[in-house]
Amino acid sequence: MAVITKSTALTGNWKEVTAALEMADGSSYAVEVQDDAETGQGHVIAVATNSNDAPGANVRGHNWYPCTAAGDGTKQTFPKKAGRFWWMKTTGPDFHAVATLI
């Protein structure tokens, strides 16, 4: 049986997650973030680029929140396209990005 869900650890530094999550061009993925410490503190910032160079320190992106007892977290379908890179970093404790091929 093949595992079609992949995860990658996230910290306060930008990480290019499309490679880390083994996303294939032309495929779509259901993506969410998980709070490793389960503290409910912090969130993930996500940025899409057309370069495999990390975004600058002051780049603003989309805020992603994990699922908590208070409610659902951010979930998104990400269609992987050639030449499109997706970067994530945390604002607090360590997180994981989790993607499942759909």
C-alpha atoms as a PDB file:
ATOM      1  CA  MET A   1       0.000   0.000   0.000  1.00  0.00           C
ATOM      2  CA  ALA A   2       1.366   3.407  -0.961  1.00  0.00           C
ATOM      3  CA  VAL A   3       1.175   6.261   1.531  1.00  0.00           C
ATOM      4  CA  ILE A   4      -0.388   9.272  -0.212  1.00  0.00           C
ATOM      5  CA  THR A   5      -0.209  11.593   2.814  1.00  0.00           C
ATOM      6  CA  LYS A   6       3.116  13.345   3.401  1.00  0.00           C
ATOM      7  CA  SER A   7       4.203  15.746   6.127  1.00  0.00           C
ATOM      8  CA  THR A   8       7.096  18.111   6.707  1.00  0.00           C
ATOM      9  CA  ALA A   9       8.242  19.948   9.817  1.00  0.00           C
ATOM     10  CA  LEU A  10       7.991  23.750   9.861  1.00  0.00           C
ATOM     11  CA  THR A  11       9.930  26.252  11.976  1.00  0.00           C
ATOM     12  CA  GLY A  12      10.374  30.021  12.022  1.00  0.00           C
ATOM     13  CA  ASN A  13      12.480  29.878   8.830  1.00  0.00           C
ATOM     14  CA  TRP A  14      11.017  29.777   5.324  1.00  0.00           C
ATOM     15  CA  LYS A  15      10.765  26.226   3.939  1.00  0.00           C
ATOM     16  CA  GLU A  16       9.882  25.335   0.361  1.00  0.00           C
ATOM     17  CA  VAL A  17       7.200  22.729   1.016  1.00  0.00           C
ATOM     18  CA  THR A  18       6.253  21.538  -2.481  1.00  0.00           C
ATOM     19  CA  ALA A  19       9.533  19.599  -2.719  1.00  0.00           C
ATOM     20  CA  ALA A  20       9.486  18.515   0.926  1.00  0.00           C
ATOM     21  CA  LEU A  21       5.929  17.175   0.523  1.00  0.00           C
ATOM     22  CA  GLU A  22       6.906  15.455  -2.760  1.00  0.00           C
ATOM     23  CA  MET A  23       4.177  17.278  -4.688  1.00  0.00           C
ATOM     24  CA  ALA A  24       4.050  16.277  -8.350  1.00  0.00           C
ATOM     25  CA  ASP A  25       3.281  18.802 -11.102  1.00  0.00           C
ATOM     26  CA  GLY A  26      -0.286  18.405 -12.350  1.00  0.00           C
ATOM     27  CA  SER A  27      -1.570  16.859  -9.100  1.00  0.00           C
ATOM     28  CA  SER A  28      -3.774  18.427  -6.418  1.00  0.00           C
ATOM     29  CA  TYR A  29      -3.351  18.108  -2.664  1.00  0.00           C
ATOM     30  CA  ALA A  30      -5.524  18.693   0.409  1.00  0.00           C
ATOM     31  CA  VAL A  31      -3.255  20.614   2.804  1.00  0.00           C
ATOM     32  CA  GLU A  32      -3.525  21.554   6.478  1.00  0.00           C
ATOM     33  CA  VAL A  33      -1.142  22.497   9.279  1.00  0.00           C
ATOM     34  CA  GLN A  34      -0.749  20.812  12.658  1.00  0.00           C
ATOM     35  CA  ASP A  35       0.477  22.365  15.921  1.00  0.00           C
ATOM     36  CA  ASP A  36       3.144  19.946  17.204  1.00  0.00           C
ATOM     37  CA  ALA A  37       2.986  21.242  20.797  1.00  0.00           C
ATOM     38  CA  GLU A  38      -0.836  21.470  20.748  1.00  0.00           C
ATOM     39  CA  THR A  39      -0.642  24.816  22.561  1.00  0.00           C
ATOM     40  CA  GLY A  40      -2.967  26.742  20.251  1.00  0.00           C
ATOM     41  CA  GLN A  41      -0.322  29.453  19.983  1.00  0.00           C
ATOM     42  CA  GLY A  42       1.098  30.756  16.742  1.00  0.00           C
ATOM     43  CA  HIS A  43       0.196  29.981  13.154  1.00  0.00           C
ATOM     44  CA  VAL A  44       1.827  29.329   9.794  1.00  0.00           C
ATOM     45  CA  ILE A  45       2.454  31.904   7.074  1.00  0.00           C
ATOM     46  CA  ALA A  46       2.229  30.582   3.495  1.00  0.00           C
ATOM     47  CA  VAL A  47       3.543  32.291   0.349  1.00  0.00           C
ATOM     48  CA  ALA A  48       3.384  31.088  -3.272  1.00  0.00           C
ATOM     49  CA  THR A  49       6.213  32.196  -5.578  1.00  0.00           C
ATOM     50  CA  ASN A  50       7.569  31.555  -9.052  1.00  0.00           C
ATOM     51  CA  SER A  51      11.123  31.146  -7.707  1.00  0.00           C
ATOM     52  CA  ASN A  52      12.833  28.560  -5.557  1.00  0.00           C
ATOM     53  CA  ASP A  53      14.584  31.394  -3.686  1.00  0.00           C
ATOM     54  CA  ALA A  54      13.193  31.929  -0.169  1.00  0.00           C
ATOM     55  CA  PRO A  55      10.946  34.965   0.282  1.00  0.00           C
ATOM     56  CA  GLY A  56      12.389  37.959   2.111  1.00  0.00           C
ATOM     57  CA  ALA A  57      12.020  38.325   5.879  1.00  0.00           C
ATOM     58  CA  ASN A  58       9.298  40.986   5.556  1.00  0.00           C
ATOM     59  CA  VAL A  59       7.142  39.213   2.962  1.00  0.00           C
ATOM     60  CA  ARG A  60       3.533  38.885   4.087  1.00  0.00           C
ATOM     61  CA  GLY A  61       1.535  35.828   3.162  1.00  0.00           C
ATOM     62  CA  HIS A  62      -1.613  33.899   3.993  1.00  0.00           C
ATOM     63  CA  ASN A  63      -2.165  32.928   7.637  1.00  0.00           C
ATOM     64  CA  TRP A  64      -2.905  29.268   8.272  1.00  0.00           C
ATOM     65  CA  TYR A  65      -4.239  28.008  11.606  1.00  0.00           C
ATOM     66  CA  PRO A  66      -4.331  24.440  12.948  1.00  0.00           C
ATOM     67  CA  CYS A  67      -7.483  22.645  14.018  1.00  0.00           C
ATOM     68  CA  THR A  68      -8.171  23.136  17.723  1.00  0.00           C
ATOM     69  CA  ALA A  69     -10.936  22.251  20.161  1.00  0.00           C
ATOM     70  CA  ALA A  70     -12.407  25.662  19.284  1.00  0.00           C
ATOM     71  CA  GLY A  71     -12.914  24.774  15.636  1.00  0.00           C
ATOM     72  CA  ASP A  72     -11.608  23.749  12.246  1.00  0.00           C
ATOM     73  CA  GLY A  73      -8.255  24.973  11.085  1.00  0.00           C
ATOM     74  CA  THR A  74      -7.265  26.274   7.674  1.00  0.00           C
ATOM     75  CA  LYS A  75      -7.530  23.699   4.897  1.00  0.00           C
ATOM     76  CA  GLN A  76      -6.855  24.315   1.243  1.00  0.00           C
ATOM     77  CA  THR A  77      -6.576  22.414  -1.996  1.00  0.00           C
ATOM     78  CA  PHE A  78      -3.243  23.154  -3.659  1.00  0.00           C
ATOM     79  CA  PRO A  79      -2.857  22.310  -7.367  1.00  0.00           C
ATOM     80  CA  LYS A  80       0.884  21.839  -8.020  1.00  0.00           C
ATOM     81  CA  LYS A  81       1.972  23.556 -11.218  1.00  0.00           C
ATOM     82  CA  ALA A  82       5.417  23.612 -12.808  1.00  0.00           C
ATOM     83  CA  GLY A  83       7.352  26.714 -11.815  1.00  0.00           C
ATOM     84  CA  ARG A  84       5.194  27.354  -8.739  1.00  0.00           C
ATOM     85  CA  PHE A  85       6.782  27.066  -5.307  1.00  0.00           C
ATOM     86  CA  TRP A  86       5.057  27.171  -1.937  1.00  0.00           C
ATOM     87  CA  TRP A  87       6.863  28.472   1.133  1.00  0.00           C
ATOM     88  CA  MET A  88       5.792  28.225   4.782  1.00  0.00           C
ATOM     89  CA  LYS A  89       7.125  29.317   8.176  1.00  0.00           C
ATOM     90  CA  THR A  90       5.717  29.516  11.694  1.00  0.00           C
ATOM     91  CA  THR A  91       5.142  32.489  13.990  1.00  0.00           C
ATOM     92  CA  GLY A  92       5.343  30.445  17.178  1.00  0.00           C
ATOM     93  CA  PRO A  93       5.972  26.827  18.138  1.00  0.00           C
ATOM     94  CA  ASP A  94       6.905  24.223  15.563  1.00  0.00           C
ATOM     95  CA  PHE A  95       4.223  22.974  13.190  1.00  0.00           C
ATOM     96  CA  HIS A  96       3.870  20.360  10.458  1.00  0.00           C
ATOM     97  CA  ALA A  97       2.371  20.861   7.006  1.00  0.00           C
ATOM     98  CA  VAL A  98       0.403  17.776   5.932  1.00  0.00           C
ATOM     99  CA  ALA A  99      -0.643  17.113   2.336  1.00  0.00           C
ATOM    100  CA  THR A 100      -2.723  14.294   0.880  1.00  0.00           C
ATOM    101  CA  LEU A 101      -2.922  13.577  -2.845  1.00  0.00           C
ATOM    102  CA  ILE A 102      -6.523  13.949  -4.026  1.00  0.00           C
END
